[in-house]
Protein backbone atom coordinates (compact mmCIF):
# COMPACT_ATOMS: atom_id res chain seq x y z
CA UNK A 1 88.92 100.41 85.27
CA UNK A 2 89.76 99.96 88.74
CA UNK A 3 87.24 98.38 90.67
CA UNK A 4 85.63 100.69 93.79
CA UNK A 5 87.08 99.53 97.08
CA UNK A 6 85.41 99.50 100.86
CA UNK A 7 86.99 99.38 103.68
CA UNK A 8 85.07 96.62 106.25
CA UNK A 9 84.27 97.78 110.23
CA UNK A 10 82.63 94.97 112.57
CA UNK A 11 81.71 96.54 115.82
CA UNK A 12 81.02 94.51 119.19
CA UNK A 13 79.79 95.09 122.68
CA UNK A 14 80.92 93.07 125.07
CA UNK A 15 77.79 91.42 126.55
CA UNK A 16 76.40 90.88 123.23
CA UNK A 17 76.44 87.65 121.52
CA UNK A 18 79.77 87.11 119.83
CA UNK A 19 78.88 84.35 117.85
CA UNK A 20 76.90 86.90 115.43
CA UNK A 21 80.31 88.49 114.23
CA UNK A 22 81.71 85.65 112.38
CA UNK A 23 78.70 85.31 110.41
CA UNK A 24 78.90 89.11 109.46
CA UNK A 25 82.23 89.09 108.03
CA UNK A 26 81.39 86.29 105.79
CA UNK A 27 77.93 87.99 104.53
CA UNK A 28 79.70 91.77 104.00
CA UNK A 29 82.29 90.08 102.02
CA UNK A 30 80.42 87.64 99.97
CA UNK A 31 77.69 90.81 99.66
CA UNK A 32 80.48 93.39 98.67
CA UNK A 33 82.57 90.88 96.29
CA UNK A 34 79.12 89.20 94.82
CA UNK A 35 77.99 93.44 93.87
CA UNK A 36 81.22 93.57 91.41
CA UNK A 37 83.39 95.83 94.46
CA UNK A 38 86.31 94.80 96.42
CA UNK A 39 87.23 94.98 99.89
CA UNK A 40 89.61 95.41 102.73
CA UNK A 41 89.28 94.11 105.70
CA UNK A 42 91.53 94.41 109.07
CA UNK A 43 93.24 90.60 110.29
CA UNK A 44 90.41 89.22 112.28
CA UNK A 45 93.13 87.90 114.93
CA UNK A 46 94.16 91.67 115.58
CA UNK A 47 91.30 92.31 118.23
CA UNK A 48 88.45 90.31 119.85
CA UNK A 49 86.00 88.60 117.50
CA UNK A 50 87.65 90.50 114.62
CA UNK A 51 85.56 93.13 115.28
CA UNK A 52 86.06 96.65 117.60
CA UNK A 53 84.52 97.61 120.84
CA UNK A 54 87.14 99.50 122.87
CA UNK A 55 88.73 102.59 122.12
CA UNK A 56 91.87 101.03 122.19
CA UNK A 57 90.94 98.65 119.31
CA UNK A 58 89.05 101.77 117.82
CA UNK A 59 92.80 103.25 117.84
CA UNK A 60 94.22 100.26 116.12
CA UNK A 61 91.55 100.11 113.15
CA UNK A 62 92.28 103.94 112.20
CA UNK A 63 96.07 103.39 112.66
CA UNK A 64 95.51 100.23 109.98
CA UNK A 65 93.00 102.48 107.85
CA UNK A 66 95.71 104.74 107.78
CA UNK A 67 97.51 102.89 106.49
CA UNK A 68 95.89 101.97 103.71
CA UNK A 69 95.05 105.47 102.55
CA UNK A 70 94.04 105.88 99.17
CA UNK A 71 93.36 102.32 98.78
CA UNK A 72 89.39 102.42 99.54
CA UNK A 73 86.83 104.68 98.46
CA UNK A 74 84.48 104.04 101.86
CA UNK A 75 83.65 102.35 104.42
CA UNK A 76 80.79 100.42 105.37
CA UNK A 77 79.99 100.35 108.77
CA UNK A 78 78.55 97.02 109.97
CA UNK A 79 76.84 96.37 113.05
CA UNK A 80 75.64 92.63 113.44
CA UNK A 81 74.82 93.57 117.05
CA UNK A 82 74.53 96.92 119.22
CA UNK A 83 77.86 97.91 118.73
CA UNK A 84 79.89 99.89 121.16
CA UNK A 85 80.01 103.68 119.35
CA UNK A 86 83.34 104.71 121.41
CA UNK A 87 85.61 102.60 119.60
CA UNK A 88 83.58 102.89 116.41
CA UNK A 89 84.03 106.92 116.62
CA UNK A 90 87.65 106.67 117.45
CA UNK A 91 88.24 103.93 114.90
CA UNK A 92 86.49 106.22 111.69
CA UNK A 93 87.37 109.95 113.08
CA UNK A 94 89.35 110.53 110.16
CA UNK A 95 88.01 108.20 107.55
CA UNK A 96 87.95 111.17 104.95
CA UNK A 97 85.36 108.95 103.09
CA UNK A 98 81.75 108.17 103.09
CA UNK A 99 80.55 105.54 105.78
CA UNK A 100 77.50 103.45 104.92
CA UNK A 101 75.69 103.14 108.48
CA UNK A 102 74.34 98.89 108.01
CA UNK A 103 72.73 96.90 111.09
CA UNK A 104 71.49 93.98 111.14
CA UNK A 105 67.55 93.08 111.24
CA UNK A 106 66.33 90.22 113.93
CA UNK A 107 64.70 87.26 113.15
CA UNK A 108 61.03 86.15 114.41
CA UNK A 109 61.79 83.25 116.01
CA UNK A 110 65.84 83.65 117.13
CA UNK A 111 64.88 86.34 119.95
CA UNK A 112 66.71 84.70 122.58
CA UNK A 113 69.30 85.57 123.90
CA UNK A 114 71.96 83.90 122.08
CA UNK A 115 70.79 84.93 119.15
CA UNK A 116 68.99 88.81 119.81
CA UNK A 117 70.88 91.72 117.50
CA UNK A 118 69.05 94.82 119.26
CA UNK A 119 71.13 96.63 116.25
CA UNK A 120 67.76 98.75 115.17
CA UNK A 121 68.34 99.93 118.75
CA UNK A 122 71.82 100.57 118.40
CA UNK A 123 72.48 101.99 115.43
CA UNK A 124 70.86 105.21 116.55
CA UNK A 125 73.72 105.10 119.75
CA UNK A 126 76.19 104.93 117.06
CA UNK A 127 74.54 108.03 114.53
CA UNK A 128 73.80 109.72 117.97
CA UNK A 129 77.04 110.04 118.72
CA UNK A 130 78.57 110.76 114.99
CA UNK A 131 76.96 113.60 114.90
CA UNK A 132 77.98 114.80 118.20
CA UNK A 133 81.43 114.52 116.32
CA UNK A 134 80.10 116.34 113.26
CA UNK A 135 81.33 113.20 111.47
CA UNK A 136 79.50 112.43 108.29
CA UNK A 137 78.17 109.15 106.92
CA UNK A 138 75.15 107.74 105.18
CA UNK A 139 72.12 105.95 106.46
CA UNK A 140 69.72 104.41 103.99
CA UNK A 141 66.15 102.59 104.00
CA UNK A 142 65.66 100.26 105.43
CA UNK A 143 66.21 101.03 108.82
CA UNK A 144 68.04 97.22 109.33
CA UNK A 145 69.22 94.95 106.37
CA UNK A 146 70.74 91.85 105.50
CA UNK A 147 73.71 91.67 103.73
CA UNK A 148 72.72 89.31 101.64
CA UNK A 149 69.39 90.50 100.14
CA UNK A 150 68.27 92.50 97.06
CA UNK A 151 67.54 95.98 99.40
CA UNK A 152 71.58 95.50 100.61
CA UNK A 153 72.60 95.30 97.05
CA UNK A 154 70.84 98.67 95.81
CA UNK A 155 71.65 100.35 99.16
CA UNK A 156 75.33 99.40 97.92
CA UNK A 157 75.06 100.53 94.33
CA UNK A 158 73.92 103.67 95.41
CA UNK A 159 76.50 103.96 98.37
CA UNK A 160 79.22 103.68 95.72
CA UNK A 161 77.81 106.18 93.64
CA UNK A 162 78.06 108.76 96.84
CA UNK A 163 81.67 107.92 97.04
CA UNK A 164 82.22 108.87 93.23
CA UNK A 165 80.93 111.57 93.79
CA UNK A 166 82.37 112.56 96.90
CA UNK A 167 85.64 111.39 95.87
CA UNK A 168 85.45 113.00 92.63
CA UNK A 169 84.29 116.52 93.67
CA UNK A 170 86.85 117.21 96.41
CA UNK A 171 89.57 118.04 94.41
CA UNK A 172 89.40 118.90 90.51
CA UNK A 173 90.30 121.41 88.23
CA UNK A 174 88.54 122.94 85.22
CA UNK A 175 89.84 124.95 82.55
CA UNK A 176 87.99 128.03 81.58
CA UNK A 177 89.27 128.36 77.87
CA UNK A 178 88.36 132.53 76.82
CA UNK A 179 86.75 134.56 78.82
CA UNK A 180 82.91 135.04 79.62
CA UNK A 181 81.25 136.48 76.19
CA UNK A 182 80.90 139.84 76.88
CA UNK A 183 76.37 139.42 76.48
CA UNK A 184 75.80 136.73 79.22
CA UNK A 185 76.36 138.14 82.67
CA UNK A 186 73.96 134.90 83.40
CA UNK A 187 77.30 132.34 83.59
CA UNK A 188 79.25 134.52 86.11
CA UNK A 189 81.06 132.96 88.42
CA UNK A 190 83.21 133.49 91.77
CA UNK A 191 86.67 131.88 91.59
CA UNK A 192 87.70 131.97 94.85
CA UNK A 193 84.56 130.31 96.34
CA UNK A 194 85.03 127.34 93.64
CA UNK A 195 88.30 127.39 94.99
CA UNK A 196 87.16 126.97 98.87
CA UNK A 197 85.46 123.76 97.77
CA UNK A 198 88.51 122.12 95.93
CA UNK A 199 87.62 123.66 92.48
CA UNK A 200 90.96 124.64 91.22
CA UNK A 201 90.39 127.05 88.20
CA UNK A 202 93.23 127.32 85.09
CA UNK A 203 92.42 129.85 83.10
CA UNK A 204 93.32 130.49 79.02
CA UNK A 205 93.21 132.93 76.94
CA UNK A 206 91.79 132.23 73.45
CA UNK A 207 93.94 133.94 71.10
CA UNK A 208 96.50 131.67 72.32
CA UNK A 209 94.46 128.60 71.45
CA UNK A 210 94.50 130.68 68.24
CA UNK A 211 97.62 130.49 68.18
CA UNK A 212 98.37 127.41 68.56
CA UNK A 213 95.91 125.98 66.33
CA UNK A 214 97.47 127.93 63.12
CA UNK A 215 100.81 126.25 64.22
CA UNK A 216 99.27 123.12 62.98
CA UNK A 217 99.89 121.91 59.65
CA UNK A 218 97.02 119.37 58.12
CA UNK A 219 99.10 116.39 57.70
CA UNK A 220 100.47 116.60 61.17
CA UNK A 221 99.95 112.79 62.89
CA UNK A 222 97.72 114.26 65.49
CA UNK A 223 95.91 115.68 63.34
CA UNK A 224 95.05 113.63 60.91
CA UNK A 225 94.13 110.96 63.45
CA UNK A 226 91.80 113.10 65.38
CA UNK A 227 90.29 113.88 62.06
CA UNK A 228 89.56 110.28 61.40
CA UNK A 229 88.68 110.01 64.69
CA UNK A 230 85.92 112.54 64.19
CA UNK A 231 84.78 111.17 61.59
CA UNK A 232 84.10 107.81 63.01
CA UNK A 233 82.27 109.56 66.16
CA UNK A 234 79.05 111.24 64.10
CA UNK A 235 78.34 112.27 60.65
CA UNK A 236 80.83 114.35 58.83
CA UNK A 237 80.07 113.60 55.15
CA UNK A 238 78.74 116.93 54.25
CA UNK A 239 81.52 119.14 56.13
CA UNK A 240 83.76 120.86 53.40
CA UNK A 241 87.26 119.34 54.12
CA UNK A 242 89.02 122.81 55.10
CA UNK A 243 86.49 123.21 57.98
CA UNK A 244 87.39 119.29 59.24
CA UNK A 245 90.88 120.47 59.38
CA UNK A 246 90.20 122.79 61.42
CA UNK A 247 87.79 121.28 63.68
CA UNK A 248 90.50 118.58 64.24
CA UNK A 249 92.69 121.01 65.38
CA UNK A 250 91.09 122.97 67.52
CA UNK A 251 90.52 119.08 69.09
CA UNK A 252 93.84 118.29 69.13
CA UNK A 253 94.60 121.69 70.78
CA UNK A 254 92.04 121.43 73.60
CA UNK A 255 93.66 117.59 73.90
CA UNK A 256 96.78 119.36 74.60
CA UNK A 257 95.63 121.58 77.47
CA UNK A 258 93.96 119.32 79.13
CA UNK A 259 96.64 116.70 78.87
CA UNK A 260 99.11 119.51 79.87
CA UNK A 261 97.25 121.32 83.03
CA UNK A 262 95.37 117.66 84.17
CA UNK A 263 92.33 119.15 83.17
CA UNK A 264 89.52 116.97 84.26
CA UNK A 265 86.77 119.62 82.78
CA UNK A 266 86.66 122.44 80.39
CA UNK A 267 84.47 125.17 80.32
CA UNK A 268 84.72 127.03 76.15
CA UNK A 269 84.08 130.57 74.72
CA UNK A 270 82.96 128.82 72.01
CA UNK A 271 81.23 132.32 70.40
CA UNK A 272 81.60 134.47 68.12
CA UNK A 273 85.43 134.49 67.69
CA UNK A 274 85.91 130.87 67.00
CA UNK A 275 83.17 131.33 64.33
CA UNK A 276 84.83 134.82 63.16
CA UNK A 277 88.14 133.84 63.13
CA UNK A 278 88.68 130.25 62.49
CA UNK A 279 85.17 129.72 60.62
CA UNK A 280 83.73 126.95 62.63
CA UNK A 281 81.55 126.41 65.60
CA UNK A 282 83.08 123.79 68.60
CA UNK A 283 79.77 122.07 69.55
CA UNK A 284 80.75 119.10 68.15
CA UNK A 285 84.15 118.57 69.50
CA UNK A 286 82.43 119.22 73.11
CA UNK A 287 80.26 117.00 71.70
CA UNK A 288 83.02 114.25 71.56
CA UNK A 289 84.88 115.27 74.58
CA UNK A 290 81.38 114.55 76.60
CA UNK A 291 81.44 111.41 74.83
CA UNK A 292 84.72 110.27 76.27
CA UNK A 293 84.39 110.94 79.71
CA UNK A 294 85.31 114.86 79.61
CA UNK A 295 83.23 117.13 80.93
CA UNK A 296 83.07 120.20 78.72
CA UNK A 297 80.56 122.85 79.10
CA UNK A 298 79.71 125.76 76.15
CA UNK A 299 79.76 129.04 76.69
CA UNK A 300 82.11 129.84 79.61
CA UNK A 301 79.33 128.22 81.76
CA UNK A 302 82.02 127.04 84.37
CA UNK A 303 78.99 126.43 87.42
CA UNK A 304 77.46 123.85 84.80
CA UNK A 305 80.71 122.70 84.78
CA UNK A 306 80.09 121.60 88.00
CA UNK A 307 77.04 119.90 88.15
CA UNK A 308 77.86 118.11 84.77
CA UNK A 309 80.83 116.52 86.68
CA UNK A 310 79.21 115.21 89.71
CA UNK A 311 76.15 114.12 87.35
CA UNK A 312 78.33 112.17 85.30
CA UNK A 313 80.22 110.67 88.46
CA UNK A 314 76.91 109.71 89.55
CA UNK A 315 75.67 108.10 86.68
CA UNK A 316 79.05 106.94 85.23
CA UNK A 317 78.40 108.52 81.72
CA UNK A 318 77.77 111.56 79.81
CA UNK A 319 76.25 114.52 81.23
CA UNK A 320 74.63 117.64 78.95
CA UNK A 321 74.60 121.76 79.19
CA UNK A 322 70.87 122.49 78.20
CA UNK A 323 68.78 125.99 77.47
CA UNK A 324 65.25 125.60 79.11
CA UNK A 325 64.80 126.53 75.50
CA UNK A 326 61.01 126.11 74.24
CA UNK A 327 57.44 125.19 75.88
CA UNK A 328 56.12 122.04 74.13
CA UNK A 329 52.70 122.81 72.73
CA UNK A 330 50.35 123.82 75.79
CA UNK A 331 51.44 121.38 78.17
CA UNK A 332 53.05 122.99 81.40
CA UNK A 333 54.89 120.13 82.54
CA UNK A 334 57.47 119.85 79.09
CA UNK A 335 59.95 121.51 77.96
CA UNK A 336 62.09 121.55 75.35
CA UNK A 337 65.45 121.02 76.30
CA UNK A 338 68.18 122.04 73.56
CA UNK A 339 71.61 122.95 72.32
CA UNK A 340 73.44 123.71 69.64
CA UNK A 341 75.30 120.41 69.16
CA UNK A 342 77.23 119.65 72.75
CA UNK A 343 75.54 116.98 73.68
CA UNK A 344 77.61 113.38 73.99
CA UNK A 345 76.35 110.96 71.05
CA UNK A 346 75.70 108.63 73.93
CA UNK A 347 72.59 110.86 75.45
CA UNK A 348 71.15 110.91 71.28
CA UNK A 349 68.69 108.97 69.77
CA UNK A 350 71.10 107.77 67.12
CA UNK A 351 74.09 109.16 65.14
CA UNK A 352 74.19 113.09 64.69
CA UNK A 353 74.68 114.63 61.61
CA UNK A 354 77.63 117.89 61.70
CA UNK A 355 76.07 121.29 60.40
CA UNK A 356 76.74 124.69 59.63
CA UNK A 357 75.23 126.81 62.21
CA UNK A 358 72.03 128.44 61.25
CA UNK A 359 72.38 131.04 63.77
CA UNK A 360 75.68 132.08 62.34
CA UNK A 361 75.20 131.78 59.00
CA UNK A 362 72.17 133.93 58.78
CA UNK A 363 74.98 136.84 59.59
CA UNK A 364 77.83 135.43 57.90
CA UNK A 365 77.94 132.46 55.69
CA UNK A 366 80.13 129.70 55.84
CA UNK A 367 80.94 130.24 59.86
CA UNK A 368 79.36 128.09 61.93
CA UNK A 369 80.29 124.53 60.30
CA UNK A 370 81.00 121.69 63.62
CA UNK A 371 77.10 121.64 65.41
CA UNK A 372 75.58 117.77 65.63
CA UNK A 373 72.42 118.03 65.19
CA UNK A 374 70.31 115.01 66.77
CA UNK A 375 67.72 114.22 68.85
CA UNK A 376 68.28 113.44 72.59
CA UNK A 377 67.08 109.90 73.43
CA UNK A 378 64.12 109.07 75.61
CA UNK A 379 65.59 107.94 79.07
CA UNK A 380 65.22 108.96 83.10
CA UNK A 381 66.86 112.05 83.98
CA UNK A 382 68.23 114.08 86.48
CA UNK A 383 69.32 118.12 86.25
CA UNK A 384 71.05 120.26 88.10
CA UNK A 385 72.53 123.13 88.37
CA UNK A 386 74.45 125.87 91.06
CA UNK A 387 75.34 129.25 91.07
CA UNK A 388 77.97 130.73 93.39
CA UNK A 389 77.31 133.26 95.35
CA UNK A 390 78.50 135.14 98.93
CA UNK A 391 81.30 132.66 99.19
CA UNK A 392 79.01 129.70 98.89
CA UNK A 393 78.21 127.01 96.10
CA UNK A 394 74.26 126.65 96.07
CA UNK A 395 72.72 123.92 94.10
CA UNK A 396 69.50 122.28 93.20
CA UNK A 397 68.70 118.35 91.89
CA UNK A 398 65.54 117.36 90.69
CA UNK A 399 64.48 114.69 88.36
CA UNK A 400 62.15 113.94 84.95
CA UNK A 401 61.91 111.92 81.73
CA UNK A 402 63.16 112.80 78.38
CA UNK A 403 60.18 111.45 76.44
CA UNK A 404 61.40 111.02 73.43
CA UNK A 405 58.63 112.76 71.62
CA UNK A 406 58.94 114.59 67.77
CA UNK A 407 60.61 118.00 67.67
CA UNK A 408 60.03 119.01 64.01
CA UNK A 409 62.91 118.49 61.51
CA UNK A 410 63.10 122.25 61.16
CA UNK A 411 64.68 122.53 64.48
CA UNK A 412 68.26 122.91 64.58
CA UNK A 413 71.08 121.62 67.02
CA UNK A 414 70.07 118.84 69.30
CA UNK A 415 67.06 118.76 71.48
CA UNK A 416 64.74 116.84 73.56
CA UNK A 417 61.18 117.17 75.04
CA UNK A 418 61.52 116.70 78.81
CA UNK A 419 58.74 116.27 81.29
CA UNK A 420 59.31 117.39 84.77
CA UNK A 421 56.85 117.02 87.18
CA UNK A 422 55.15 120.49 88.73
CA UNK A 423 57.48 122.26 86.23
CA UNK A 424 55.82 125.67 86.05
CA UNK A 425 56.73 125.68 89.82
CA UNK A 426 60.40 124.70 89.66
CA UNK A 427 60.72 127.26 86.80
CA UNK A 428 59.67 130.45 89.29
CA UNK A 429 61.97 128.49 92.29
CA UNK A 430 64.71 128.63 89.05
CA UNK A 431 64.10 132.11 88.47
CA UNK A 432 63.83 133.49 91.90
CA UNK A 433 66.28 131.54 93.30
CA UNK A 434 68.85 133.10 90.40
CA UNK A 435 69.61 130.22 88.49
CA UNK A 436 71.00 130.45 84.97
CA UNK A 437 69.50 129.82 81.99
CA UNK A 438 70.85 126.23 81.48
CA UNK A 439 70.48 123.30 83.51
CA UNK A 440 72.55 120.09 82.85
CA UNK A 441 71.32 116.81 82.93
CA UNK A 442 72.10 113.12 82.73
CA UNK A 443 70.95 109.44 82.23
CA UNK A 444 69.42 108.36 85.55
CA UNK A 445 67.74 109.12 88.30
CA UNK A 446 69.77 109.76 91.13
CA UNK A 447 69.10 112.95 92.71
CA UNK A 448 69.39 111.10 95.85
CA UNK A 449 73.20 110.16 95.97
CA UNK A 450 73.94 113.71 94.79
CA UNK A 451 71.81 115.81 97.69
CA UNK A 452 73.64 113.44 100.17
CA UNK A 453 76.89 113.97 98.51
CA UNK A 454 76.47 117.50 98.25
CA UNK A 455 74.62 118.22 101.91
CA UNK A 456 76.35 116.10 103.99
CA UNK A 457 80.13 115.50 102.91
CA UNK A 458 80.88 118.28 100.08
CA UNK A 459 79.53 121.20 102.30
CA UNK A 460 77.76 122.74 99.22
CA UNK A 461 74.20 124.37 100.21
CA UNK A 462 71.79 122.71 98.68
CA UNK A 463 68.09 124.18 97.98
CA UNK A 464 65.02 122.27 97.43
CA UNK A 465 63.05 123.42 94.02
CA UNK A 466 60.32 121.00 94.88
CA UNK A 467 56.63 121.80 95.92
């Protein structure tokens, strides 16, 4: 995987101690590379002291940055001293990526004119002008921080996650495979609203997928290889051979859609046509896609596909689409989050077992092979979902944890007990806000990262469901 790269910007102001800039260049390059990222730095000989002060120097940096467009994921604006804001805005107003504001702290015992930085105050000067220009940027605590400290390393990792989300959500394509299930108006979406937010939707008729599947032979090389991959992925030992072949064929066809149309995510109409006509349930195929990093939501939930992608980018791991399904005893802050079997193995407590879906078997025995049953592991989690309404995408984020507590073995599908503080109040806000019966989850607490990306860079309407 290619390392994330950050372009470094160093500011200056003529009457401040210029000697501090050379040290900042050394510090910042070391901090970023030691954290595992690459740097892009303009030749220090091109400007006085290797930093930007004037508008002309800002334009020089602007053109240099433009010449490297596509090579950097974000910009780190380093303030070794109280820098000139005019040069900064000229340099970065067309950066097109997130910008992290970093300002150096002063040191007790080094407050004479040769060493005093005043970046604590100067940071406000820069953020004020960026606000005036409506140029988005990121600020994090602490207000001033030395690059060679653990606090800045954490800032850097959080900023890298923000950059992944922003750059990954600006432009991407979701494949909508099948029409919305008639019974589920809850998953309706506005395609034009998505397009205005950079989300391209490609729609495919389920009957076309069926024809492609039926054209595949059991001994097709891709089908044979896919069946082996699925058998290695989870426990297929109880699945009849003809069902394995059918699931492998569907998986191959979905892969072909993804490759042909350059899909970054999919939402699949998973019932009840596949069960009725192909005699399988595609849950495990969605699980496997999510596990290998391709976002896949069920029940044509396109909005869940959006937040799953964001969560995956933030955490660098899979996300899952789950139902707000059951209370857990009488604990008001616990809920069983569940779905039939589309959860990635990486989020499960152990290897899943492919079974036949009990809901479909009840009315049509033998039609439901494909659920990946198991339990969700214990981990800190972030949950989110969104809606499209009146030309806007409205999104929420909150945090909790999967506890790993027991759910009786008769509980089918893949579920986990989640503990969420003030859950009852949050559920009321979700209901009143018009959000669906699904939420999406990932491993890690990344609420701050997602809110920063969506509120300040991506232009979504971010709502709070906290107290």
